[in-house]
Protein backbone atom coordinates (compact mmCIF):
# COMPACT_ATOMS: atom_id res chain seq x y z
CA UNK A 1 -4.90 -74.82 58.12
CA UNK A 2 -4.46 -74.06 54.43
CA UNK A 3 -6.34 -70.79 54.89
CA UNK A 4 -3.99 -69.73 57.70
CA UNK A 5 -0.90 -70.54 55.59
CA UNK A 6 -2.27 -68.65 52.58
CA UNK A 7 -3.30 -65.71 54.76
CA UNK A 8 0.12 -65.60 56.46
CA UNK A 9 1.91 -65.84 53.09
CA UNK A 10 -0.22 -62.97 51.76
CA UNK A 11 0.62 -60.81 54.80
CA UNK A 12 4.35 -61.55 54.41
CA UNK A 13 4.19 -60.74 50.69
CA UNK A 14 2.47 -57.41 51.37
CA UNK A 15 5.04 -56.49 54.05
CA UNK A 16 7.98 -57.43 51.77
CA UNK A 17 6.54 -55.50 48.80
CA UNK A 18 5.86 -52.52 51.06
CA UNK A 19 9.46 -52.57 52.29
CA UNK A 20 10.90 -52.67 48.75
CA UNK A 21 8.53 -49.92 47.56
CA UNK A 22 9.52 -47.75 50.53
CA UNK A 23 13.22 -48.33 49.86
CA UNK A 24 12.79 -47.57 46.13
CA UNK A 25 10.78 -44.38 46.86
CA UNK A 26 13.45 -43.12 49.30
CA UNK A 27 16.19 -43.83 46.73
CA UNK A 28 14.35 -42.00 43.94
CA UNK A 29 13.56 -39.04 46.18
CA UNK A 30 17.18 -38.77 47.30
CA UNK A 31 18.45 -38.83 43.71
CA UNK A 32 15.85 -36.27 42.60
CA UNK A 33 16.88 -33.89 45.39
CA UNK A 34 20.55 -34.41 44.57
CA UNK A 35 19.93 -33.66 40.88
CA UNK A 36 17.83 -30.60 41.73
CA UNK A 37 20.58 -29.27 44.02
CA UNK A 38 23.22 -29.82 41.31
CA UNK A 39 21.09 -28.00 38.73
CA UNK A 40 20.46 -25.10 41.10
CA UNK A 41 24.18 -24.71 41.77
CA UNK A 42 24.96 -24.63 38.05
CA UNK A 43 22.46 -21.83 37.38
CA UNK A 44 23.26 -18.15 37.91
CA UNK A 45 21.45 -16.38 40.73
CA UNK A 46 18.26 -14.50 39.78
CA UNK A 47 19.26 -11.58 42.00
CA UNK A 48 21.84 -9.22 40.57
CA UNK A 49 24.84 -8.27 42.70
CA UNK A 50 25.30 -4.50 42.63
CA UNK A 51 28.87 -3.48 41.78
CA UNK A 52 30.87 -0.37 40.86
CA UNK A 53 32.09 -2.04 37.68
CA UNK A 54 32.49 -5.27 35.74
CA UNK A 55 36.15 -5.90 34.98
CA UNK A 56 37.02 -9.36 33.59
CA UNK A 57 40.66 -8.78 34.58
CA UNK A 58 39.95 -8.53 38.31
CA UNK A 59 40.83 -11.46 40.58
CA UNK A 60 37.52 -13.35 40.70
CA UNK A 61 38.94 -15.88 43.19
CA UNK A 62 38.92 -13.16 45.88
CA UNK A 63 35.14 -12.57 45.78
CA UNK A 64 32.24 -14.72 46.97
CA UNK A 65 30.25 -14.47 43.73
CA UNK A 66 30.70 -15.41 40.09
CA UNK A 67 31.20 -13.09 37.13
CA UNK A 68 27.98 -14.46 35.64
CA UNK A 69 26.06 -13.26 38.72
CA UNK A 70 27.41 -9.73 38.24
CA UNK A 71 26.82 -9.51 34.48
CA UNK A 72 23.78 -11.69 33.85
CA UNK A 73 23.50 -13.02 30.33
CA UNK A 74 27.26 -13.50 30.17
CA UNK A 75 29.43 -16.61 29.97
CA UNK A 76 32.35 -17.17 32.39
CA UNK A 77 35.40 -14.92 31.98
CA UNK A 78 38.11 -16.24 29.66
CA UNK A 79 41.28 -15.12 27.86
CA UNK A 80 44.88 -14.27 28.75
CA UNK A 81 45.85 -12.34 31.86
CA UNK A 82 45.39 -8.63 31.24
CA UNK A 83 43.31 -9.30 28.12
CA UNK A 84 40.37 -11.14 29.59
CA UNK A 85 36.76 -10.82 28.47
CA UNK A 86 33.34 -12.39 28.83
CA UNK A 87 31.12 -13.38 25.92
CA UNK A 88 27.54 -12.19 26.30
CA UNK A 89 24.27 -13.37 24.75
CA UNK A 90 21.72 -11.10 23.04
CA UNK A 91 20.55 -9.73 26.38
CA UNK A 92 22.68 -8.94 29.39
CA UNK A 93 22.30 -6.72 32.45
CA UNK A 94 24.24 -5.34 35.36
CA UNK A 95 23.30 -3.38 38.51
CA UNK A 96 25.71 -0.47 38.99
CA UNK A 97 26.03 1.23 42.38
CA UNK A 98 27.65 4.45 43.62
CA UNK A 99 26.45 6.38 40.58
CA UNK A 100 27.56 9.93 41.34
CA UNK A 101 27.61 12.36 38.43
CA UNK A 102 29.70 9.90 36.42
CA UNK A 103 29.34 8.60 32.90
CA UNK A 104 29.03 4.87 32.31
CA UNK A 105 31.64 3.33 30.02
CA UNK A 106 30.98 0.12 28.07
CA UNK A 107 33.99 -1.43 26.36
CA UNK A 108 33.58 -4.42 24.07
CA UNK A 109 34.29 -6.14 20.79
CA UNK A 110 31.75 -7.17 18.13
CA UNK A 111 32.78 -9.94 15.68
CA UNK A 112 30.55 -8.58 12.90
CA UNK A 113 31.89 -11.03 10.29
CA UNK A 114 30.79 -13.96 12.49
CA UNK A 115 27.29 -12.47 12.81
CA UNK A 116 27.16 -11.95 9.06
CA UNK A 117 28.33 -15.47 8.23
CA UNK A 118 25.93 -17.05 10.73
CA UNK A 119 22.84 -14.92 10.14
CA UNK A 120 23.40 -12.67 7.12
CA UNK A 121 22.73 -9.50 9.13
CA UNK A 122 23.65 -6.16 7.58
CA UNK A 123 24.43 -4.53 10.89
CA UNK A 124 24.70 -5.36 14.57
CA UNK A 125 22.72 -2.94 16.70
CA UNK A 126 23.55 -2.57 20.41
CA UNK A 127 20.88 -0.88 22.51
CA UNK A 128 21.59 0.51 25.96
CA UNK A 129 18.72 0.82 28.46
CA UNK A 130 18.83 2.18 31.99
CA UNK A 131 16.10 1.07 34.39
CA UNK A 132 14.10 -0.11 31.38
CA UNK A 133 14.34 3.11 29.39
CA UNK A 134 16.12 3.35 26.02
CA UNK A 135 19.13 5.66 26.30
CA UNK A 136 21.13 5.19 23.12
CA UNK A 137 22.22 2.65 20.53
CA UNK A 138 25.29 1.81 18.52
CA UNK A 139 25.39 0.38 14.97
CA UNK A 140 28.29 -1.90 14.01
CA UNK A 141 29.14 -2.78 10.38
CA UNK A 142 32.56 -4.42 10.73
CA UNK A 143 34.65 -6.38 13.24
CA UNK A 144 35.16 -3.64 15.76
CA UNK A 145 36.23 -2.81 19.29
CA UNK A 146 34.25 0.03 20.83
CA UNK A 147 34.13 2.19 23.93
CA UNK A 148 30.72 3.73 24.37
CA UNK A 149 30.11 6.50 26.89
CA UNK A 150 26.67 7.01 28.40
CA UNK A 151 26.76 10.47 29.93
CA UNK A 152 25.24 10.94 33.38
CA UNK A 153 23.03 13.82 32.26
CA UNK A 154 21.22 11.41 29.94
CA UNK A 155 20.07 9.12 32.76
CA UNK A 156 20.39 11.08 36.04
CA UNK A 157 16.60 11.26 36.46
CA UNK A 158 16.44 7.43 36.29
CA UNK A 159 18.91 6.78 39.12
CA UNK A 160 17.30 5.41 42.31
CA UNK A 161 19.11 5.03 45.63
CA UNK A 162 22.38 5.82 43.89
CA UNK A 163 22.03 2.71 41.70
CA UNK A 164 20.85 1.88 38.20
CA UNK A 165 20.19 -1.20 36.10
CA UNK A 166 22.06 -1.17 32.78
CA UNK A 167 20.59 -3.50 30.18
CA UNK A 168 22.33 -4.24 26.89
CA UNK A 169 20.28 -5.67 24.03
CA UNK A 170 21.86 -6.84 20.78
CA UNK A 171 19.74 -7.55 17.70
CA UNK A 172 21.48 -10.83 16.85
CA UNK A 173 23.40 -13.73 18.31
CA UNK A 174 25.02 -16.80 16.79
CA UNK A 175 26.13 -20.31 17.74
CA UNK A 176 29.61 -20.91 16.26
CA UNK A 177 29.15 -24.69 15.86
CA UNK A 178 25.99 -24.20 13.79
CA UNK A 179 27.65 -21.57 11.60
CA UNK A 180 30.75 -23.69 10.94
CA UNK A 181 32.97 -21.23 12.82
CA UNK A 182 34.15 -23.52 15.63
CA UNK A 183 32.95 -26.31 17.93
CA UNK A 184 31.57 -23.78 20.43
CA UNK A 185 27.88 -24.46 21.13
CA UNK A 186 27.19 -21.32 23.19
CA UNK A 187 24.93 -18.44 22.18
CA UNK A 188 27.22 -15.44 21.54
CA UNK A 189 26.81 -11.83 20.51
CA UNK A 190 29.91 -9.90 21.59
CA UNK A 191 32.87 -9.86 23.97
CA UNK A 192 32.53 -7.62 27.00
CA UNK A 193 35.81 -6.12 28.22
CA UNK A 194 34.68 -3.58 30.78
CA UNK A 195 31.60 -1.86 32.20
CA UNK A 196 32.11 0.89 34.74
CA UNK A 197 32.17 4.58 35.48
CA UNK A 198 34.28 7.49 34.31
């Protein structure tokens, strides 16, 4: 009789433990999937969205994508209406479409003094590449707004299917909070005000 009681108790214990393990496993799996989904939503898409231009002042609420999916390597658009901009990191890129005998215009602002205070650099160099090929570069030695024109004749042989990938590489970036400039913890290089065609 004792053997039957012990055997039955063992079976019950195994069933109960199995139930709790199964419930715990389902709970953990559900939370892991929820966290993964949240993380995926907070990340920019890997695929670039081809556009005619990147204009921080456009109404981004009227489109189905984010500014950070258009100009990868950028932070969300900020600033006052009509004077909006997007901070970019060292490397950013954009896929431009409808390239037809037009120059590409890049309009931005480089806070050289912030770079210098944070990293001690003597110049900020901005390199422009189209479809992976170096096209031109710009050297900045002071806090400066710029409008750089990349003429079509300099990259027309690189255009494919009326589109091109513009990559912008900057030789330095800084984190304001680490440089004692502000509480901002983002990686910054310059403000982007416009990228488009002329």
